[in-house]
N, C-alpha and C. Protein backbone atom coordinates (compact mmCIF):
# COMPACT_ATOMS: atom_id res chain seq x y z
N MET A 1 -42.62 -22.64 -13.01
CA MET A 1 -41.33 -23.06 -12.52
C MET A 1 -40.83 -22.09 -11.45
N ALA A 2 -40.35 -22.63 -10.39
CA ALA A 2 -39.78 -21.79 -9.34
C ALA A 2 -38.34 -21.44 -9.69
N ALA A 3 -38.02 -20.19 -9.52
CA ALA A 3 -36.65 -19.76 -9.82
C ALA A 3 -35.71 -20.26 -8.73
N LYS A 4 -34.57 -20.79 -9.16
CA LYS A 4 -33.59 -21.27 -8.19
C LYS A 4 -32.83 -20.08 -7.62
N LYS A 5 -32.55 -20.14 -6.35
CA LYS A 5 -31.78 -19.10 -5.70
C LYS A 5 -30.30 -19.38 -5.94
N GLU A 6 -29.60 -18.39 -6.50
CA GLU A 6 -28.18 -18.59 -6.79
C GLU A 6 -27.36 -18.46 -5.52
N ALA A 7 -26.24 -19.15 -5.50
CA ALA A 7 -25.32 -19.05 -4.37
C ALA A 7 -24.68 -17.66 -4.36
N ALA A 8 -24.29 -17.21 -3.18
CA ALA A 8 -23.66 -15.90 -3.07
C ALA A 8 -22.36 -15.88 -3.87
N LYS A 9 -22.16 -14.80 -4.58
CA LYS A 9 -20.95 -14.70 -5.38
C LYS A 9 -19.84 -13.99 -4.62
N ASN A 10 -20.20 -13.33 -3.54
CA ASN A 10 -19.22 -12.62 -2.73
C ASN A 10 -19.39 -13.00 -1.26
N LEU A 11 -18.32 -12.83 -0.51
CA LEU A 11 -18.34 -13.04 0.93
C LEU A 11 -17.90 -11.75 1.61
N LYS A 12 -18.58 -11.40 2.70
CA LYS A 12 -18.17 -10.26 3.51
C LYS A 12 -17.31 -10.81 4.64
N ILE A 13 -16.07 -10.37 4.72
CA ILE A 13 -15.12 -10.87 5.71
C ILE A 13 -14.72 -9.71 6.61
N THR A 14 -14.88 -9.90 7.93
CA THR A 14 -14.58 -8.86 8.91
C THR A 14 -13.50 -9.37 9.85
N LEU A 15 -12.48 -8.55 10.09
CA LEU A 15 -11.41 -8.88 11.04
C LEU A 15 -11.91 -8.58 12.44
N VAL A 16 -12.00 -9.61 13.29
CA VAL A 16 -12.53 -9.42 14.65
C VAL A 16 -11.48 -9.67 15.73
N ARG A 17 -10.32 -10.20 15.37
CA ARG A 17 -9.23 -10.37 16.33
C ARG A 17 -7.96 -9.79 15.75
N SER A 18 -7.13 -9.26 16.61
CA SER A 18 -5.90 -8.60 16.19
C SER A 18 -4.88 -9.60 15.64
N THR A 19 -4.02 -9.08 14.78
CA THR A 19 -2.94 -9.92 14.25
C THR A 19 -1.72 -9.91 15.16
N ILE A 20 -1.75 -9.10 16.21
CA ILE A 20 -0.64 -9.05 17.16
C ILE A 20 -0.50 -10.43 17.83
N GLY A 21 0.69 -10.97 17.81
CA GLY A 21 0.95 -12.26 18.44
C GLY A 21 0.61 -13.46 17.58
N GLN A 22 0.12 -13.23 16.37
CA GLN A 22 -0.21 -14.34 15.48
C GLN A 22 1.04 -14.77 14.71
N VAL A 23 0.99 -15.97 14.18
CA VAL A 23 2.11 -16.47 13.39
C VAL A 23 2.23 -15.66 12.10
N PRO A 24 3.41 -15.52 11.55
CA PRO A 24 3.60 -14.69 10.35
C PRO A 24 2.72 -15.08 9.16
N LYS A 25 2.46 -16.38 8.98
CA LYS A 25 1.61 -16.80 7.85
C LYS A 25 0.19 -16.26 8.00
N ALA A 26 -0.32 -16.26 9.23
CA ALA A 26 -1.67 -15.73 9.46
C ALA A 26 -1.71 -14.23 9.22
N ARG A 27 -0.68 -13.52 9.67
CA ARG A 27 -0.60 -12.07 9.44
C ARG A 27 -0.58 -11.77 7.95
N ALA A 28 0.23 -12.52 7.21
CA ALA A 28 0.35 -12.30 5.78
C ALA A 28 -0.96 -12.59 5.06
N THR A 29 -1.67 -13.61 5.50
CA THR A 29 -2.95 -13.96 4.89
C THR A 29 -3.97 -12.85 5.11
N VAL A 30 -4.03 -12.32 6.33
CA VAL A 30 -4.96 -11.22 6.63
C VAL A 30 -4.62 -10.02 5.75
N ALA A 31 -3.36 -9.70 5.61
CA ALA A 31 -2.94 -8.57 4.78
C ALA A 31 -3.29 -8.82 3.30
N ALA A 32 -3.11 -10.04 2.84
CA ALA A 32 -3.42 -10.38 1.45
C ALA A 32 -4.91 -10.27 1.16
N MET A 33 -5.73 -10.45 2.19
CA MET A 33 -7.17 -10.31 2.02
C MET A 33 -7.59 -8.84 2.01
N GLY A 34 -6.67 -7.94 2.32
CA GLY A 34 -6.98 -6.52 2.29
C GLY A 34 -7.45 -5.97 3.62
N LEU A 35 -7.29 -6.74 4.69
CA LEU A 35 -7.72 -6.30 6.01
C LEU A 35 -6.55 -5.66 6.74
N ARG A 36 -6.76 -4.44 7.24
CA ARG A 36 -5.70 -3.72 7.94
C ARG A 36 -6.05 -3.42 9.39
N LYS A 37 -7.31 -3.09 9.66
CA LYS A 37 -7.71 -2.67 11.00
C LYS A 37 -8.79 -3.59 11.54
N LEU A 38 -8.92 -3.63 12.86
CA LEU A 38 -9.99 -4.40 13.48
C LEU A 38 -11.35 -3.89 13.01
N HIS A 39 -12.29 -4.78 12.83
CA HIS A 39 -13.67 -4.50 12.43
C HIS A 39 -13.78 -3.93 11.03
N GLN A 40 -12.69 -4.01 10.25
CA GLN A 40 -12.75 -3.62 8.85
C GLN A 40 -13.37 -4.78 8.07
N THR A 41 -14.20 -4.46 7.10
CA THR A 41 -14.87 -5.47 6.30
C THR A 41 -14.49 -5.32 4.84
N VAL A 42 -14.24 -6.45 4.19
CA VAL A 42 -13.97 -6.46 2.75
C VAL A 42 -14.89 -7.49 2.10
N GLU A 43 -15.18 -7.27 0.82
CA GLU A 43 -15.95 -8.24 0.05
C GLU A 43 -15.01 -8.91 -0.92
N LEU A 44 -14.96 -10.23 -0.86
CA LEU A 44 -14.11 -11.01 -1.74
C LEU A 44 -14.97 -12.04 -2.46
N PRO A 45 -14.54 -12.48 -3.65
CA PRO A 45 -15.31 -13.49 -4.38
C PRO A 45 -15.33 -14.82 -3.64
N ASP A 46 -16.45 -15.51 -3.77
CA ASP A 46 -16.59 -16.82 -3.12
C ASP A 46 -16.00 -17.88 -4.04
N ASN A 47 -14.70 -18.14 -3.88
CA ASN A 47 -14.03 -19.16 -4.69
C ASN A 47 -13.10 -19.98 -3.79
N ALA A 48 -12.45 -20.95 -4.37
CA ALA A 48 -11.60 -21.86 -3.59
C ALA A 48 -10.43 -21.13 -2.93
N ALA A 49 -9.84 -20.16 -3.62
CA ALA A 49 -8.70 -19.44 -3.06
C ALA A 49 -9.12 -18.65 -1.82
N THR A 50 -10.24 -17.96 -1.91
CA THR A 50 -10.72 -17.18 -0.78
C THR A 50 -11.10 -18.09 0.38
N ARG A 51 -11.74 -19.22 0.08
CA ARG A 51 -12.12 -20.17 1.14
C ARG A 51 -10.87 -20.71 1.85
N GLY A 52 -9.79 -20.92 1.11
CA GLY A 52 -8.55 -21.39 1.72
C GLY A 52 -7.95 -20.35 2.64
N GLN A 53 -8.02 -19.08 2.24
CA GLN A 53 -7.52 -18.00 3.09
C GLN A 53 -8.35 -17.93 4.37
N ILE A 54 -9.65 -18.03 4.23
CA ILE A 54 -10.53 -17.97 5.39
C ILE A 54 -10.22 -19.13 6.34
N GLN A 55 -9.98 -20.30 5.80
CA GLN A 55 -9.68 -21.47 6.62
C GLN A 55 -8.42 -21.25 7.46
N ARG A 56 -7.41 -20.59 6.89
CA ARG A 56 -6.16 -20.35 7.61
C ARG A 56 -6.33 -19.39 8.77
N VAL A 57 -7.22 -18.41 8.63
CA VAL A 57 -7.40 -17.38 9.68
C VAL A 57 -8.81 -17.40 10.26
N ARG A 58 -9.44 -18.56 10.28
CA ARG A 58 -10.84 -18.66 10.72
C ARG A 58 -11.05 -18.21 12.16
N HIS A 59 -10.01 -18.25 12.98
CA HIS A 59 -10.12 -17.84 14.37
C HIS A 59 -10.07 -16.32 14.53
N MET A 60 -9.78 -15.61 13.45
CA MET A 60 -9.62 -14.15 13.51
C MET A 60 -10.67 -13.39 12.73
N VAL A 61 -11.46 -14.07 11.92
CA VAL A 61 -12.41 -13.36 11.05
C VAL A 61 -13.84 -13.86 11.24
N LYS A 62 -14.78 -13.02 10.82
CA LYS A 62 -16.18 -13.39 10.77
C LYS A 62 -16.59 -13.33 9.30
N VAL A 63 -17.30 -14.35 8.82
CA VAL A 63 -17.65 -14.44 7.40
C VAL A 63 -19.16 -14.45 7.25
N GLU A 64 -19.66 -13.65 6.30
CA GLU A 64 -21.09 -13.61 5.97
C GLU A 64 -21.22 -13.64 4.46
N GLU A 65 -22.38 -14.10 3.98
CA GLU A 65 -22.65 -14.05 2.56
C GLU A 65 -23.06 -12.63 2.21
N ALA A 66 -22.56 -12.12 1.09
CA ALA A 66 -22.89 -10.75 0.68
C ALA A 66 -24.10 -10.73 -0.22
């Protein structure tokens, strides 16, 4: 039997655009994700809540599987 490859349990999220000039909701979402500086990376669980946050600020972040 071939072992099934499990889906990533974490996502690596990197802030690649500044929050300056962004709408307040986008700024708050970036802060809630734990991102403070440009090119800072955080690992968050791959769940519906995190995916929703990423969707709101998709123009400002880069996402990779951890």
